[in-house]
Amino acid sequence: MRRLSLWFKAHPMAGDAHIAVAIALFELPLIAAMASGWHTAILILVGIGLTAPLVIRRRNPLLSAYLVLAAGAVQLFTHGEGSDDTPDLRLRVADMALGISLYTLVAYVGRRQAALYAVGLAIGTGAWAFWRFSGMEPLIMVTFAAIIFALCWVLGEFAGARRAYHVEVERRLALLETERDHQARIAVGEERARIARELHDVVAHAVSVMVVQSEGAAYAVRTDPDMAEQAIRTVAQTGRDALTELRRLLGVLRSDAAETGRAPQPGAQSISELAERVRAVGVPVVLELTGELDDLPAGVGLGVYRIVQEALTNTIKHAGPGASAAVRVKRDGDQVELDITDRGRGAKRGLASGGNGLIGMRERAHVFGGSLEAGPLPTGGWRVHAVLPVTAA
């Protein structure tokens, strides 16, 4: 049944044709009662004029309504009171088309056009009632017609309001689909920005370690071959680790990313390995981890790791020879506090690197509702201090 209803909604002329045919079927007894002659021909023509326009009442409501009204005017002048051998033609079943047309104009066109049509109906109905009836009958017939037309108007208002509601719902659904697509594009942009920050952290750290180790190996290759060999191994291992992370990050951009295995994200538990790599470069690192860091949310753990990584990368790049670093990560209840300091000559490292590293660290802290401060120490060196709430994440 629902499928049939949807089919009629998609093909309105088919449903309207059924209405016209149904009214025509009720007209058959009247036509059969008429004797052959020109009266029968006029009866049939007027019947067709009243019912046939209903087929296009939703495709072209105004044309349909005024064709029906014109047929009603012809009926007014050609149909009269019956006699012994002819039926009464002052009122016929096909006159229902007048009310249907009024309903259609109210529902599909608007009140203004429907009101103009109603004026025509009122004039025609008054002329019909006082011309074709006598005594008290005209008042009765006018009252009866007014009730019928008022009912058609009310039904048209109801159908028009329901139709307008469905149109508004469909418009809002289309707007929601557009907004959803827009949000999807924003999400893609945010994901790409996140990947860009990840790539900056990975590449900056790995390249800094590899450059320092390569320079050290070049100096030690003749005087201390064992140290040079160790430095080259560190370069190779750092390169392999960087490639692993780069493959994971770039895999997100591939269309088949869902089918591609991804390496686990680094977290707070990986800070010890990070400190070991920095020590291998030649920068002493004092690491102090306090509190339960292994059960941090994945996002917070990754943020902690990246902030420490970027801070140590800046130490390698800008602190100068003889520098050392101290990393303290402490979880106290629902927040994680990071404090990374170094002792070196570099003071304007944020400006020297274009500030991207500091911006990235601040963004990571702000994403989780935390804060980050970075700047030179009064006694020399650099300090990065961040607080990340765990519950907000």
Protein backbone atom coordinates (compact mmCIF):
# COMPACT_ATOMS: atom_id res chain seq x y z
CA MET A 1 0.00 0.00 0.00
CA ARG A 2 2.84 2.37 0.88
CA ARG A 3 4.54 1.61 -2.42
CA LEU A 4 1.32 2.47 -4.29
CA SER A 5 1.00 5.73 -2.35
CA LEU A 6 4.58 6.70 -3.19
CA TRP A 7 3.95 5.88 -6.86
CA PHE A 8 0.88 8.15 -6.98
CA LYS A 9 2.90 10.90 -5.28
CA ALA A 10 5.57 10.59 -7.94
CA HIS A 11 2.92 10.55 -10.73
CA PRO A 12 0.24 13.09 -9.68
CA MET A 13 -1.55 13.07 -13.05
CA ALA A 14 -2.27 9.36 -12.66
CA GLY A 15 -4.03 9.93 -9.32
CA ASP A 16 -5.95 12.93 -10.66
CA ALA A 17 -7.02 10.90 -13.69
CA HIS A 18 -8.53 8.34 -11.31
CA ILE A 19 -10.56 11.10 -9.63
CA ALA A 20 -11.86 12.33 -13.00
CA VAL A 21 -12.79 8.79 -14.08
CA ALA A 22 -14.58 8.13 -10.76
CA ILE A 23 -16.73 11.27 -11.19
CA ALA A 24 -17.44 10.34 -14.82
CA LEU A 25 -18.66 6.90 -13.75
CA PHE A 26 -21.25 8.51 -11.45
CA GLU A 27 -22.38 10.59 -14.44
CA LEU A 28 -23.23 7.52 -16.54
CA PRO A 29 -26.75 6.97 -15.08
CA LEU A 30 -27.60 10.62 -15.86
CA ILE A 31 -26.42 10.27 -19.47
CA ALA A 32 -28.25 6.99 -19.86
CA ALA A 33 -31.51 8.61 -18.69
CA MET A 34 -31.30 11.29 -21.37
CA ALA A 35 -32.94 10.75 -24.73
CA SER A 36 -30.70 11.12 -27.73
CA GLY A 37 -30.45 14.58 -29.19
CA TRP A 38 -28.62 17.83 -28.80
CA HIS A 39 -29.39 17.92 -25.07
CA THR A 40 -27.41 14.71 -24.62
CA ALA A 41 -24.49 16.11 -26.60
CA ILE A 42 -24.40 19.27 -24.45
CA LEU A 43 -24.65 17.15 -21.30
CA ILE A 44 -21.67 15.05 -22.37
CA LEU A 45 -19.59 18.07 -23.45
CA VAL A 46 -20.26 19.92 -20.21
CA GLY A 47 -19.45 16.77 -18.23
CA ILE A 48 -16.13 16.47 -20.05
CA GLY A 49 -15.47 20.17 -19.45
CA LEU A 50 -16.04 19.72 -15.72
CA THR A 51 -14.06 16.50 -15.21
CA ALA A 52 -11.27 16.42 -17.82
CA PRO A 53 -9.37 19.48 -16.45
CA LEU A 54 -9.02 17.67 -13.13
CA VAL A 55 -6.34 15.50 -14.75
CA ILE A 56 -3.96 18.49 -14.82
CA ARG A 57 -5.14 20.14 -11.58
CA ARG A 58 -1.74 19.72 -9.87
CA ARG A 59 0.43 20.22 -12.93
CA ASN A 60 -1.33 23.49 -13.88
CA PRO A 61 -3.81 24.40 -11.13
CA LEU A 62 -4.92 27.80 -12.49
CA LEU A 63 -5.64 26.53 -16.01
CA SER A 64 -7.52 23.52 -14.66
CA ALA A 65 -9.62 25.60 -12.24
CA TYR A 66 -10.72 28.18 -14.79
CA LEU A 67 -11.53 25.52 -17.40
CA VAL A 68 -13.83 23.93 -14.82
CA LEU A 69 -15.34 27.34 -14.01
CA ALA A 70 -15.96 27.97 -17.73
CA ALA A 71 -17.72 24.60 -18.03
CA GLY A 72 -19.82 25.55 -15.00
CA ALA A 73 -20.84 28.79 -16.73
CA VAL A 74 -21.93 26.81 -19.79
CA GLN A 75 -23.94 24.52 -17.49
CA LEU A 76 -25.62 27.57 -15.96
CA PHE A 77 -27.03 28.60 -19.34
CA THR A 78 -27.80 25.15 -20.79
CA HIS A 79 -28.99 23.02 -17.87
CA GLY A 80 -32.43 23.63 -16.43
CA GLU A 81 -35.25 21.95 -14.57
CA GLY A 82 -36.21 18.55 -15.92
CA SER A 83 -39.55 17.42 -17.35
CA ASP A 84 -41.45 14.16 -17.49
CA ASP A 85 -39.05 12.59 -20.01
CA THR A 86 -35.81 14.31 -18.94
CA PRO A 87 -34.04 14.37 -15.54
CA ASP A 88 -33.41 17.52 -13.49
CA LEU A 89 -30.10 19.03 -14.73
CA ARG A 90 -29.84 21.97 -12.35
CA LEU A 91 -27.32 20.01 -10.22
CA ARG A 92 -25.12 17.12 -11.29
CA VAL A 93 -22.32 14.98 -9.81
CA ALA A 94 -19.70 16.60 -12.03
CA ASP A 95 -20.28 19.90 -10.19
CA MET A 96 -17.97 18.46 -7.49
CA ALA A 97 -15.14 19.59 -9.78
CA LEU A 98 -15.82 23.21 -8.74
CA GLY A 99 -15.12 22.43 -5.08
CA ILE A 100 -12.08 20.27 -5.98
CA SER A 101 -10.66 23.13 -8.04
CA LEU A 102 -11.09 25.58 -5.13
CA TYR A 103 -9.33 23.11 -2.82
CA THR A 104 -6.48 22.73 -5.33
CA LEU A 105 -5.92 26.49 -5.61
CA VAL A 106 -5.80 26.92 -1.82
CA ALA A 107 -3.40 23.99 -1.36
CA TYR A 108 -1.07 24.45 -4.34
CA VAL A 109 -1.28 28.10 -5.49
CA GLY A 110 -2.17 30.42 -2.62
CA ARG A 111 -4.92 32.29 -0.86
CA ARG A 112 -4.94 35.26 -3.23
CA GLN A 113 -5.66 33.27 -6.38
CA ALA A 114 -8.06 31.05 -4.44
CA ALA A 115 -9.96 34.11 -3.20
CA LEU A 116 -10.37 35.45 -6.75
CA TYR A 117 -11.65 32.06 -7.82
CA ALA A 118 -14.02 31.98 -4.84
CA VAL A 119 -15.48 35.34 -5.95
CA GLY A 120 -16.24 33.82 -9.36
CA LEU A 121 -17.82 30.83 -7.67
CA ALA A 122 -19.95 33.06 -5.46
CA ILE A 123 -21.24 35.07 -8.44
CA GLY A 124 -21.96 31.93 -10.44
CA THR A 125 -23.60 30.16 -7.49
CA GLY A 126 -25.82 33.16 -6.71
CA ALA A 127 -26.93 33.49 -10.34
CA TRP A 128 -27.59 29.74 -10.53
CA ALA A 129 -29.60 29.62 -7.31
CA PHE A 130 -31.84 32.66 -7.98
CA TRP A 131 -32.28 31.83 -11.67
CA ARG A 132 -32.97 28.12 -11.48
CA PHE A 133 -34.86 27.95 -8.15
CA SER A 134 -37.78 29.84 -6.62
CA GLY A 135 -39.24 30.56 -3.22
CA MET A 136 -36.96 29.68 -0.32
CA GLU A 137 -34.95 27.25 -2.44
CA PRO A 138 -32.34 29.85 -3.57
CA LEU A 139 -31.37 30.63 0.03
CA ILE A 140 -31.16 26.94 0.87
CA MET A 141 -29.05 26.18 -2.20
CA VAL A 142 -26.71 29.15 -1.62
CA THR A 143 -26.23 28.09 2.02
CA PHE A 144 -25.58 24.50 0.96
CA ALA A 145 -23.04 25.59 -1.69
CA ALA A 146 -21.33 27.98 0.74
CA ILE A 147 -20.87 25.18 3.28
CA ILE A 148 -19.42 22.86 0.62
CA PHE A 149 -17.02 25.50 -0.71
CA ALA A 150 -15.99 26.54 2.84
CA LEU A 151 -15.19 22.91 3.62
CA CYS A 152 -13.10 22.69 0.45
CA TRP A 153 -11.23 25.85 1.49
CA VAL A 154 -10.50 24.47 4.97
CA LEU A 155 -9.29 21.17 3.54
CA GLY A 156 -7.09 23.09 1.11
CA GLU A 157 -5.58 25.10 3.99
CA PHE A 158 -4.83 21.90 5.87
CA ALA A 159 -3.28 20.21 2.83
CA GLY A 160 -1.32 23.34 1.93
CA ALA A 161 0.09 23.63 5.47
CA ARG A 162 1.08 19.98 5.42
CA ARG A 163 2.66 20.35 2.00
CA ALA A 164 4.58 23.45 3.14
CA TYR A 165 5.75 21.54 6.21
CA HIS A 166 7.09 18.69 4.05
CA VAL A 167 8.81 21.16 1.74
CA GLU A 168 10.45 22.84 4.73
CA VAL A 169 11.53 19.47 6.14
CA GLU A 170 13.06 18.49 2.81
CA ARG A 171 14.81 21.87 2.59
CA ARG A 172 16.23 21.45 6.09
CA LEU A 173 17.36 17.92 5.29
CA ALA A 174 19.17 19.23 2.22
CA LEU A 175 20.70 21.97 4.37
CA LEU A 176 21.79 19.42 6.96
CA GLU A 177 23.37 17.26 4.26
CA THR A 178 25.24 20.31 2.96
CA GLU A 179 26.33 21.19 6.49
CA ARG A 180 27.41 17.60 7.09
CA ASP A 181 29.55 17.68 3.95
CA HIS A 182 30.99 21.02 5.08
CA GLN A 183 31.79 19.59 8.51
CA ALA A 184 33.41 16.59 6.85
CA ARG A 185 35.63 18.92 4.81
CA ILE A 186 36.54 20.83 7.98
CA ALA A 187 37.36 17.56 9.73
CA VAL A 188 39.59 16.54 6.83
CA GLY A 189 41.37 19.89 7.02
CA GLU A 190 41.88 19.52 10.77
CA GLU A 191 43.20 16.01 10.29
CA ARG A 192 45.66 17.21 7.66
CA ALA A 193 46.79 20.00 9.98
CA ARG A 194 47.34 17.42 12.73
CA ILE A 195 49.34 15.27 10.36
CA ALA A 196 51.41 18.30 9.38
CA ARG A 197 52.25 18.91 13.05
CA GLU A 198 53.11 15.25 13.48
CA LEU A 199 55.37 15.35 10.42
CA HIS A 200 57.08 18.50 11.73
CA ASP A 201 57.80 16.82 15.07
CA VAL A 202 59.06 13.59 13.52
CA VAL A 203 61.18 15.15 10.80
CA ALA A 204 62.62 17.94 12.96
CA HIS A 205 63.66 15.55 15.71
CA ALA A 206 65.05 12.85 13.42
CA VAL A 207 66.94 15.22 11.15
CA SER A 208 68.43 17.11 14.10
CA VAL A 209 69.69 13.87 15.67
CA MET A 210 71.05 12.60 12.36
CA VAL A 211 72.86 15.87 11.58
CA VAL A 212 74.53 16.04 14.99
CA GLN A 213 75.51 12.38 14.91
CA SER A 214 76.82 12.61 11.34
CA GLU A 215 78.98 15.62 12.25
CA GLY A 216 80.31 13.80 15.30
CA ALA A 217 81.10 10.71 13.23
CA ALA A 218 83.00 12.84 10.72
CA TYR A 219 85.23 14.21 13.48
CA ALA A 220 85.73 10.85 15.20
CA VAL A 221 86.19 8.61 12.17
CA ARG A 222 90.01 8.78 12.39
CA THR A 223 90.63 9.37 16.09
CA ASP A 224 87.94 7.11 17.56
CA PRO A 225 86.51 4.66 14.99
CA ASP A 226 84.35 2.91 17.61
CA MET A 227 82.59 6.16 18.52
CA ALA A 228 82.12 6.98 14.82
CA GLU A 229 80.62 3.55 14.24
CA GLN A 230 78.22 4.02 17.15
CA ALA A 231 77.22 7.43 15.77
CA ILE A 232 76.50 5.97 12.32
CA ARG A 233 74.38 3.24 13.92
CA THR A 234 72.42 5.90 15.80
CA VAL A 235 71.85 7.76 12.53
CA ALA A 236 70.61 4.57 10.86
CA GLN A 237 68.30 3.67 13.77
CA THR A 238 66.92 7.21 13.97
CA GLY A 239 66.27 7.17 10.21
CA ARG A 240 64.47 3.84 10.45
CA ASP A 241 62.29 5.08 13.34
CA ALA A 242 61.50 8.27 11.43
CA LEU A 243 60.54 6.30 8.32
CA THR A 244 58.23 4.08 10.39
CA GLU A 245 56.39 7.10 11.79
CA LEU A 246 56.29 8.82 8.41
CA ARG A 247 54.73 5.74 6.81
CA ARG A 248 52.12 5.63 9.56
CA LEU A 249 51.25 9.30 9.21
CA LEU A 250 51.21 9.37 5.44
CA GLY A 251 49.12 6.21 5.43
CA VAL A 252 46.27 8.25 6.89
CA LEU A 253 46.14 10.21 3.64
CA ARG A 254 45.78 7.11 1.49
CA SER A 255 42.37 6.08 0.26
CA ASP A 256 42.85 2.57 1.65
CA ALA A 257 44.01 3.83 5.04
CA ALA A 258 41.37 1.75 6.79
CA GLU A 259 42.93 -1.42 5.39
CA THR A 260 46.52 -0.42 6.18
CA GLY A 261 48.08 -1.57 9.42
CA ARG A 262 49.27 1.30 11.55
CA ALA A 263 52.07 1.34 14.08
CA PRO A 264 50.99 2.20 17.63
CA GLN A 265 51.11 5.86 18.60
CA PRO A 266 53.95 6.87 20.94
CA GLY A 267 52.90 7.87 24.43
CA ALA A 268 54.29 8.85 27.81
CA GLN A 269 55.82 5.40 28.17
CA SER A 270 58.02 6.12 25.13
CA ILE A 271 59.72 9.14 26.72
CA SER A 272 62.50 6.94 28.15
CA GLU A 273 63.41 5.71 24.66
CA LEU A 274 63.34 9.31 23.42
CA ALA A 275 65.74 10.38 26.19
CA GLU A 276 68.09 7.52 25.30
CA ARG A 277 68.23 8.64 21.67
CA VAL A 278 69.03 12.20 22.74
CA ARG A 279 71.75 10.95 25.09
CA ALA A 280 73.23 8.99 22.20
CA VAL A 281 73.53 12.27 20.32
CA GLY A 282 75.74 13.62 23.09
CA VAL A 283 73.26 15.71 25.05
CA PRO A 284 72.99 14.47 28.66
CA VAL A 285 69.36 14.14 29.71
CA VAL A 286 68.12 13.76 33.27
CA LEU A 287 64.70 12.09 33.16
CA GLU A 288 62.27 12.08 36.06
CA LEU A 289 58.88 10.40 35.64
CA THR A 290 56.46 10.61 38.56
CA GLY A 291 52.97 9.21 38.96
CA GLU A 292 50.85 6.81 36.91
CA LEU A 293 51.72 7.70 33.33
CA ASP A 294 51.05 4.35 31.65
CA ASP A 295 47.24 4.65 31.86
CA LEU A 296 46.99 8.13 30.38
CA PRO A 297 44.44 8.58 27.57
CA ALA A 298 46.07 7.96 24.19
CA GLY A 299 45.64 11.58 23.09
CA VAL A 300 47.17 13.01 26.26
CA GLY A 301 50.05 10.51 26.15
CA LEU A 302 50.80 11.44 22.55
CA GLY A 303 50.65 15.15 23.42
CA VAL A 304 53.09 14.68 26.30
CA TYR A 305 55.49 12.74 24.10
CA ARG A 306 55.39 15.30 21.27
CA ILE A 307 55.94 18.27 23.59
CA VAL A 308 58.96 16.59 25.17
CA GLN A 309 60.24 15.56 21.73
CA GLU A 310 59.97 19.09 20.34
CA ALA A 311 61.61 20.61 23.42
CA LEU A 312 64.57 18.20 23.24
CA THR A 313 64.83 18.77 19.49
CA ASN A 314 65.17 22.49 20.14
CA THR A 315 67.86 21.72 22.71
CA ILE A 316 69.85 19.72 20.16
CA LYS A 317 69.47 22.38 17.49
CA HIS A 318 69.90 25.60 19.45
CA ALA A 319 71.35 25.04 22.92
CA GLY A 320 74.93 24.85 21.63
CA PRO A 321 77.85 22.60 22.64
CA GLY A 322 78.08 21.38 26.22
CA ALA A 323 74.35 21.71 26.81
CA SER A 324 72.37 19.35 29.03
CA ALA A 325 68.67 18.86 29.55
CA ALA A 326 66.35 17.88 32.38
CA VAL A 327 62.92 16.38 31.73
CA ARG A 328 60.38 16.09 34.52
CA VAL A 329 56.96 14.58 33.85
CA LYS A 330 54.64 14.37 36.82
CA ARG A 331 51.09 13.18 37.06
CA ASP A 332 49.27 14.66 40.01
CA GLY A 333 45.67 13.52 40.16
CA ASP A 334 43.82 14.75 37.10
CA GLN A 335 46.63 16.66 35.45
CA VAL A 336 50.07 16.06 33.98
CA GLU A 337 52.82 18.62 34.49
CA LEU A 338 55.79 18.81 32.14
CA ASP A 339 58.97 20.73 32.84
CA ILE A 340 61.81 20.59 30.29
CA THR A 341 64.87 22.76 30.91
CA ASP A 342 68.30 22.91 29.35
CA ARG A 343 71.57 24.65 30.01
CA GLY A 344 72.90 26.20 26.85
CA ARG A 345 73.70 29.45 25.15
CA GLY A 346 70.70 29.53 22.83
CA ALA A 347 67.98 31.97 23.86
CA LYS A 348 66.01 32.90 20.71
CA ARG A 349 65.46 29.40 19.44
CA GLY A 350 61.74 29.96 18.81
CA LEU A 351 62.56 32.79 16.43
CA ALA A 352 65.43 30.93 14.85
CA SER A 353 63.21 28.05 13.80
CA GLY A 354 60.38 30.24 12.62
CA GLY A 355 58.36 29.54 15.78
CA ASN A 356 56.60 26.47 14.31
CA GLY A 357 57.80 24.18 17.07
CA LEU A 358 56.55 26.45 19.84
CA ILE A 359 53.23 26.99 18.02
CA GLY A 360 52.80 23.24 17.67
CA MET A 361 53.51 22.66 21.36
CA ARG A 362 51.02 25.34 22.40
CA GLU A 363 48.35 23.93 20.08
CA ARG A 364 48.81 20.47 21.53
CA ALA A 365 48.43 21.84 25.06
CA HIS A 366 45.35 23.92 24.14
CA VAL A 367 43.65 20.97 22.42
CA PHE A 368 43.42 19.23 25.80
CA GLY A 369 42.45 22.40 27.68
CA GLY A 370 45.94 22.89 29.10
CA SER A 371 48.54 25.62 29.03
CA LEU A 372 52.14 25.95 27.92
CA GLU A 373 54.83 28.51 28.65
CA ALA A 374 58.22 28.63 26.97
CA GLY A 375 61.06 31.10 27.23
CA PRO A 376 64.66 31.73 28.25
CA LEU A 377 65.82 31.30 31.83
CA PRO A 378 67.40 34.24 33.70
CA THR A 379 70.55 32.19 34.30
CA GLY A 380 70.76 31.02 30.69
CA GLY A 381 69.17 28.16 28.84
CA TRP A 382 65.55 27.50 28.00
CA ARG A 383 62.48 26.22 29.82
CA VAL A 384 59.27 24.70 28.59
CA HIS A 385 56.52 24.25 31.17
CA ALA A 386 53.15 22.69 30.30
CA VAL A 387 50.11 21.46 32.23
CA LEU A 388 47.67 19.06 30.56
CA PRO A 389 44.42 18.11 32.34
CA VAL A 390 43.57 14.44 32.04
CA THR A 391 39.84 14.68 32.75
CA ALA A 392 39.25 17.28 30.00
CA ALA A 393 40.78 14.91 27.48
